[in-house]
Protein backbone atom coordinates (compact mmCIF):
# COMPACT_ATOMS: atom_id res chain seq x y z
CA MET A 1 -191.73 79.86 297.09
CA GLN A 2 -191.45 82.90 295.08
CA GLU A 3 -191.45 82.92 291.45
CA LYS A 4 -188.16 83.61 289.58
CA HIS A 5 -188.12 85.93 286.72
CA LEU A 6 -185.56 85.61 283.69
CA PHE A 7 -183.75 88.79 283.28
CA GLU A 8 -181.13 90.15 280.99
CA TYR A 9 -178.41 92.91 282.18
CA ALA A 10 -175.29 94.43 280.70
CA VAL A 11 -172.52 96.46 282.57
CA LEU A 12 -172.29 99.98 281.19
CA ARG A 13 -168.67 101.08 280.86
CA VAL A 14 -166.52 104.15 280.15
CA MET A 15 -163.83 103.38 277.68
CA PRO A 16 -161.74 106.68 277.28
CA ARG A 17 -159.50 105.49 274.67
CA VAL A 18 -161.42 102.74 272.62
CA GLU A 19 -157.99 101.73 271.07
CA ARG A 20 -156.56 100.62 274.14
CA GLU A 21 -159.61 98.69 275.04
CA GLU A 22 -159.45 99.86 279.00
CA PHE A 23 -162.58 100.40 280.52
CA LEU A 24 -164.17 101.56 283.78
CA ASN A 25 -167.32 99.90 284.96
CA VAL A 26 -169.91 102.66 285.87
CA GLY A 27 -173.30 101.14 285.58
CA VAL A 28 -175.75 98.43 285.12
CA ILE A 29 -178.77 98.08 282.95
CA LEU A 30 -181.23 95.43 283.55
CA TYR A 31 -184.28 94.14 281.70
CA CYS A 32 -186.82 91.82 282.95
CA ALA A 33 -189.83 91.15 280.35
CA SER A 34 -192.35 89.43 282.78
CA GLN A 35 -192.15 92.25 284.95
CA GLY A 36 -191.98 95.03 282.51
CA PHE A 37 -188.78 96.30 283.95
CA LEU A 38 -186.07 98.28 282.39
CA GLN A 39 -183.82 100.41 284.62
CA THR A 40 -180.39 101.43 284.66
CA VAL A 41 -178.32 102.82 287.79
CA PHE A 42 -174.81 104.39 287.31
CA HIS A 43 -172.09 106.06 289.30
CA LEU A 44 -168.85 108.32 287.88
CA ASN A 45 -165.94 107.98 289.98
CA GLU A 46 -164.11 111.00 288.73
CA SER A 47 -160.86 110.40 290.13
CA LYS A 48 -160.78 106.58 288.75
CA LEU A 49 -161.65 108.06 285.39
CA ARG A 50 -158.95 110.63 285.62
CA SER A 51 -156.47 107.80 286.08
CA PHE A 52 -157.39 106.72 282.52
CA SER A 53 -157.04 110.25 280.94
CA SER A 54 -156.96 113.69 282.28
CA GLU A 55 -158.52 114.95 279.15
CA LEU A 56 -162.04 113.24 279.65
CA ASP A 57 -165.03 115.47 279.57
CA VAL A 58 -167.03 113.97 282.56
CA ALA A 59 -169.87 116.06 282.02
CA GLU A 60 -170.45 114.90 278.75
CA ILE A 61 -170.05 111.39 279.94
CA GLU A 62 -172.66 112.04 282.65
CA GLU A 63 -175.06 113.37 280.11
CA ARG A 64 -174.50 110.18 278.14
CA LEU A 65 -175.52 108.00 280.88
CA GLN A 66 -178.47 110.10 281.66
CA ALA A 67 -179.55 109.74 278.00
CA PHE A 68 -179.61 105.87 278.92
CA GLN A 69 -181.75 106.57 281.96
CA ARG A 70 -184.14 108.59 279.96
CA ILE A 71 -184.44 106.06 277.36
CA CYS A 72 -185.13 103.31 279.86
CA GLU A 73 -187.62 105.45 281.57
CA GLY A 74 -189.47 106.13 278.22
CA GLY A 75 -191.66 108.63 277.23
CA LYS A 76 -190.96 111.86 275.27
CA ALA A 77 -187.72 112.56 277.49
CA GLY A 78 -186.32 109.32 275.94
CA GLY A 79 -186.70 110.75 272.28
CA THR A 80 -187.53 108.34 269.41
CA ILE A 81 -185.97 105.19 271.00
CA GLY A 82 -187.98 106.00 274.24
CA ALA A 83 -190.79 105.45 272.51
CA LEU A 84 -190.11 101.94 271.72
CA PRO A 85 -191.11 98.98 273.45
CA LEU A 86 -189.00 97.87 276.56
CA ALA A 87 -187.49 94.95 274.74
CA SER A 88 -186.38 97.02 271.74
CA ARG A 89 -185.23 99.86 273.91
CA PHE A 90 -182.88 97.36 275.92
CA ARG A 91 -181.71 95.95 272.56
CA TRP A 92 -180.70 99.48 271.30
CA LEU A 93 -179.06 100.31 274.73
CA THR A 94 -176.88 97.24 274.71
CA ALA A 95 -176.05 97.29 270.91
CA THR A 96 -172.26 97.05 270.20
CA ARG A 97 -171.05 100.37 269.59
CA SER A 98 -167.58 102.27 269.33
CA THR A 99 -167.83 105.10 271.80
CA VAL A 100 -166.69 106.14 274.90
CA VAL A 101 -169.94 104.78 276.63
CA GLN A 102 -170.48 101.06 275.82
CA SER A 103 -172.21 98.19 277.34
CA SER A 104 -170.74 94.81 277.90
CA LYS A 105 -172.21 91.64 276.31
CA VAL A 106 -175.97 90.64 277.58
CA HIS A 107 -175.97 88.16 280.55
CA PRO A 108 -179.20 86.38 281.42
CA GLY A 109 -180.22 85.17 284.99
CA PHE A 110 -183.28 84.47 287.07
CA CYS A 111 -184.27 86.77 290.12
CA VAL A 112 -187.34 87.31 292.44
CA GLU A 113 -187.26 91.10 292.36
CA PRO A 114 -185.58 92.94 289.51
CA LYS A 115 -184.68 96.01 291.19
CA GLU A 116 -183.12 94.28 294.01
CA LYS A 117 -181.03 92.33 291.57
CA LEU A 118 -180.06 95.51 289.78
CA GLU A 119 -178.93 96.82 293.10
CA ARG A 120 -177.00 93.86 294.05
CA LEU A 121 -175.21 93.85 290.38
CA PHE A 122 -174.47 97.57 290.60
CA GLN A 123 -172.80 96.81 294.32
CA GLU A 124 -171.02 93.72 292.88
CA LEU A 125 -169.81 95.05 289.50
CA VAL A 126 -169.24 98.67 289.66
CA LEU A 127 -168.91 100.06 293.32
């Protein structure tokens, strides 16, 4: 029997007009402490985003999501936050904020392989 590992995840969302509280799921971030795993995967569907607002700067949203990815990867490319321990990076990325790119509340679960779980959540919740 394979060992199951506790993980936490949040859905990354684009909320073009924060005051309307409408959003589009665009990615997932998953953290598994016991496996030293912190990754995000995202996809921007430009036509769906445009249905919320034709004035969105898709390139800027893409850059913000890439910043999430760089922070997950750590190192100099992730800046000051990228130098923090994995748990701190995950908490910073999933902190409540009132910006166009936000995360859902954090949800826990158990998995055998974090990478596979991330991909499955991405398929179920984003694509």
